[in-house]
Amino acid sequence: MFRTIMLAVGASFIFAAVAAAAEPIEGTWKRPNGTLIRYAASGGGQFCGTVMTGEYKGKSIGCMSGSGSNYKGKVNKLDEGKTYNGKATVKGNTLALAGCVLGGIICKSENLTRQ
């Protein structure tokens, strides 16, 4: 009985460590200009971002797929009306979001903070 309890406790610590290591993109993020973006699961392993405040409220900023802290997909630059290849990295409460053209030669990026 004691062994079973200890195995269960050990397994719960392992699962908690794995869950903590996988930093999800899901949640609400604040851009440097104050605009809030919410990333949510949309099926098929995709996470789509929606503008929650400001001029583009309700608009999609694109979808990413991935796991852990690294994501790839499309980023919509709403003020330009263009879509770029994008990537995102989550580290703690920071989301580094980048959109690139010309095979990644030219990129624009910004850091968002988790709200």
C-alpha atoms as a PDB file:
ATOM      1  CA  MET A   1       0.000   0.000   0.000  1.00  0.00           C
ATOM      2  CA  PHE A   2       2.778   2.413   0.957  1.00  0.00           C
ATOM      3  CA  ARG A   3       4.593   1.649  -2.293  1.00  0.00           C
ATOM      4  CA  THR A   4       1.458   2.388  -4.341  1.00  0.00           C
ATOM      5  CA  ILE A   5       0.982   5.731  -2.597  1.00  0.00           C
ATOM      6  CA  MET A   6       4.631   6.672  -3.138  1.00  0.00           C
ATOM      7  CA  LEU A   7       4.421   5.747  -6.834  1.00  0.00           C
ATOM      8  CA  ALA A   8       1.281   7.862  -7.211  1.00  0.00           C
ATOM      9  CA  VAL A   9       2.933  10.835  -5.486  1.00  0.00           C
ATOM     10  CA  GLY A  10       6.062  10.461  -7.632  1.00  0.00           C
ATOM     11  CA  ALA A  11       4.014  10.243 -10.829  1.00  0.00           C
ATOM     12  CA  SER A  12       2.068  13.384  -9.904  1.00  0.00           C
ATOM     13  CA  PHE A  13       5.345  15.309  -9.479  1.00  0.00           C
ATOM     14  CA  ILE A  14       6.566  14.118 -12.880  1.00  0.00           C
ATOM     15  CA  PHE A  15       3.317  15.126 -14.583  1.00  0.00           C
ATOM     16  CA  ALA A  16       3.380  18.521 -12.851  1.00  0.00           C
ATOM     17  CA  ALA A  17       6.958  19.130 -14.028  1.00  0.00           C
ATOM     18  CA  VAL A  18       6.062  18.246 -17.627  1.00  0.00           C
ATOM     19  CA  ALA A  19       3.003  20.515 -17.531  1.00  0.00           C
ATOM     20  CA  ALA A  20       5.069  23.391 -16.139  1.00  0.00           C
ATOM     21  CA  ALA A  21       7.730  22.911 -18.814  1.00  0.00           C
ATOM     22  CA  ALA A  22       5.157  23.126 -21.620  1.00  0.00           C
ATOM     23  CA  GLU A  23       4.516  26.845 -21.667  1.00  0.00           C
ATOM     24  CA  PRO A  24       1.247  27.270 -23.563  1.00  0.00           C
ATOM     25  CA  ILE A  25       0.473  30.076 -25.963  1.00  0.00           C
ATOM     26  CA  GLU A  26      -3.154  29.971 -24.796  1.00  0.00           C
ATOM     27  CA  GLY A  27      -4.265  32.991 -22.825  1.00  0.00           C
ATOM     28  CA  THR A  28      -4.460  36.769 -23.020  1.00  0.00           C
ATOM     29  CA  TRP A  29      -1.370  38.758 -24.039  1.00  0.00           C
ATOM     30  CA  LYS A  30      -0.701  42.501 -24.016  1.00  0.00           C
ATOM     31  CA  ARG A  31       1.142  44.135 -26.913  1.00  0.00           C
ATOM     32  CA  PRO A  32       3.533  47.035 -26.208  1.00  0.00           C
ATOM     33  CA  ASN A  33       0.871  49.455 -27.512  1.00  0.00           C
ATOM     34  CA  GLY A  34      -1.631  48.145 -24.925  1.00  0.00           C
ATOM     35  CA  THR A  35      -3.784  46.068 -27.276  1.00  0.00           C
ATOM     36  CA  LEU A  36      -4.899  42.729 -25.827  1.00  0.00           C
ATOM     37  CA  ILE A  37      -4.673  39.537 -27.894  1.00  0.00           C
ATOM     38  CA  ARG A  38      -6.232  36.225 -26.851  1.00  0.00           C
ATOM     39  CA  TYR A  39      -4.832  32.933 -28.162  1.00  0.00           C
ATOM     40  CA  ALA A  40      -7.195  29.966 -27.865  1.00  0.00           C
ATOM     41  CA  ALA A  41      -7.238  26.392 -29.155  1.00  0.00           C
ATOM     42  CA  SER A  42      -9.216  26.091 -32.370  1.00  0.00           C
ATOM     43  CA  GLY A  43      -8.880  22.382 -33.119  1.00  0.00           C
ATOM     44  CA  GLY A  44      -6.360  20.339 -35.034  1.00  0.00           C
ATOM     45  CA  GLY A  45      -3.514  21.494 -32.793  1.00  0.00           C
ATOM     46  CA  GLN A  46      -3.975  25.121 -33.859  1.00  0.00           C
ATOM     47  CA  PHE A  47      -4.088  28.174 -31.609  1.00  0.00           C
ATOM     48  CA  CYS A  48      -5.657  31.273 -33.103  1.00  0.00           C
ATOM     49  CA  GLY A  49      -5.196  34.845 -31.915  1.00  0.00           C
ATOM     50  CA  THR A  50      -8.035  37.347 -31.725  1.00  0.00           C
ATOM     51  CA  VAL A  51      -7.708  41.061 -30.991  1.00  0.00           C
ATOM     52  CA  MET A  52      -9.684  41.827 -27.837  1.00  0.00           C
ATOM     53  CA  THR A  53      -9.312  45.627 -27.638  1.00  0.00           C
ATOM     54  CA  GLY A  54      -8.601  48.623 -29.830  1.00  0.00           C
ATOM     55  CA  GLU A  55      -9.163  49.470 -33.466  1.00  0.00           C
ATOM     56  CA  TYR A  56      -9.053  45.872 -34.731  1.00  0.00           C
ATOM     57  CA  LYS A  57     -11.179  44.321 -31.951  1.00  0.00           C
ATOM     58  CA  GLY A  58     -12.603  40.964 -33.046  1.00  0.00           C
ATOM     59  CA  LYS A  59     -10.139  40.477 -35.915  1.00  0.00           C
ATOM     60  CA  SER A  60      -7.882  37.436 -36.261  1.00  0.00           C
ATOM     61  CA  ILE A  61      -4.137  37.929 -36.089  1.00  0.00           C
ATOM     62  CA  GLY A  62      -3.542  34.415 -37.387  1.00  0.00           C
ATOM     63  CA  CYS A  63      -3.099  30.873 -36.154  1.00  0.00           C
ATOM     64  CA  MET A  64      -0.124  28.949 -34.825  1.00  0.00           C
ATOM     65  CA  SER A  65       0.516  25.282 -34.265  1.00  0.00           C
ATOM     66  CA  GLY A  66       3.120  23.720 -32.063  1.00  0.00           C
ATOM     67  CA  SER A  67       3.722  22.479 -28.599  1.00  0.00           C
ATOM     68  CA  GLY A  68       5.728  23.348 -25.568  1.00  0.00           C
ATOM     69  CA  SER A  69       6.992  26.866 -26.027  1.00  0.00           C
ATOM     70  CA  ASN A  70       7.611  26.961 -29.815  1.00  0.00           C
ATOM     71  CA  TYR A  71       4.901  27.686 -32.358  1.00  0.00           C
ATOM     72  CA  LYS A  72       4.768  28.338 -36.126  1.00  0.00           C
ATOM     73  CA  GLY A  73       2.016  29.557 -38.401  1.00  0.00           C
ATOM     74  CA  LYS A  74       0.644  32.725 -39.965  1.00  0.00           C
ATOM     75  CA  VAL A  75       0.570  36.273 -38.606  1.00  0.00           C
ATOM     76  CA  ASN A  76      -1.847  38.860 -40.001  1.00  0.00           C
ATOM     77  CA  LYS A  77      -0.501  42.416 -40.029  1.00  0.00           C
ATOM     78  CA  LEU A  78      -3.902  44.061 -39.804  1.00  0.00           C
ATOM     79  CA  ASP A  79      -2.826  47.623 -40.525  1.00  0.00           C
ATOM     80  CA  GLU A  80      -1.143  46.457 -43.766  1.00  0.00           C
ATOM     81  CA  GLY A  81      -3.726  43.850 -44.750  1.00  0.00           C
ATOM     82  CA  LYS A  82      -0.959  41.269 -45.246  1.00  0.00           C
ATOM     83  CA  THR A  83      -0.216  37.810 -43.878  1.00  0.00           C
ATOM     84  CA  TYR A  84       3.295  36.685 -42.966  1.00  0.00           C
ATOM     85  CA  ASN A  85       4.923  33.417 -41.957  1.00  0.00           C
ATOM     86  CA  GLY A  86       5.094  33.614 -38.220  1.00  0.00           C
ATOM     87  CA  LYS A  87       6.694  32.072 -35.218  1.00  0.00           C
ATOM     88  CA  ALA A  88       6.166  32.482 -31.526  1.00  0.00           C
ATOM     89  CA  THR A  89       8.130  31.478 -28.466  1.00  0.00           C
ATOM     90  CA  VAL A  90       6.701  31.441 -24.960  1.00  0.00           C
ATOM     91  CA  LYS A  91       9.063  31.915 -22.029  1.00  0.00           C
ATOM     92  CA  GLY A  92       7.348  32.466 -18.726  1.00  0.00           C
ATOM     93  CA  ASN A  93       5.103  35.509 -19.075  1.00  0.00           C
ATOM     94  CA  THR A  94       6.624  36.663 -22.377  1.00  0.00           C
ATOM     95  CA  LEU A  95       5.422  35.783 -25.878  1.00  0.00           C
ATOM     96  CA  ALA A  96       7.991  36.659 -28.562  1.00  0.00           C
ATOM     97  CA  LEU A  97       5.971  36.964 -31.773  1.00  0.00           C
ATOM     98  CA  ALA A  98       7.620  37.413 -35.191  1.00  0.00           C
ATOM     99  CA  GLY A  99       6.336  37.694 -38.743  1.00  0.00           C
ATOM    100  CA  CYS A 100       8.751  37.089 -41.627  1.00  0.00           C
ATOM    101  CA  VAL A 101       8.925  37.389 -45.417  1.00  0.00           C
ATOM    102  CA  LEU A 102      11.464  36.283 -48.033  1.00  0.00           C
ATOM    103  CA  GLY A 103      12.132  32.979 -46.310  1.00  0.00           C
ATOM    104  CA  GLY A 104      12.818  34.607 -42.952  1.00  0.00           C
ATOM    105  CA  ILE A 105      15.292  37.205 -44.253  1.00  0.00           C
ATOM    106  CA  ILE A 106      13.124  40.129 -43.168  1.00  0.00           C
ATOM    107  CA  CYS A 107      11.280  39.791 -39.861  1.00  0.00           C
ATOM    108  CA  LYS A 108       9.419  42.090 -37.521  1.00  0.00           C
ATOM    109  CA  SER A 109       8.952  41.045 -33.947  1.00  0.00           C
ATOM    110  CA  GLU A 110       7.560  42.212 -30.637  1.00  0.00           C
ATOM    111  CA  ASN A 111       7.267  40.873 -27.135  1.00  0.00           C
ATOM    112  CA  LEU A 112       3.872  40.535 -25.493  1.00  0.00           C
ATOM    113  CA  THR A 113       3.258  39.987 -21.780  1.00  0.00           C
ATOM    114  CA  ARG A 114       0.812  37.497 -20.288  1.00  0.00           C
ATOM    115  CA  GLN A 115      -2.177  39.097 -18.584  1.00  0.00           C
END
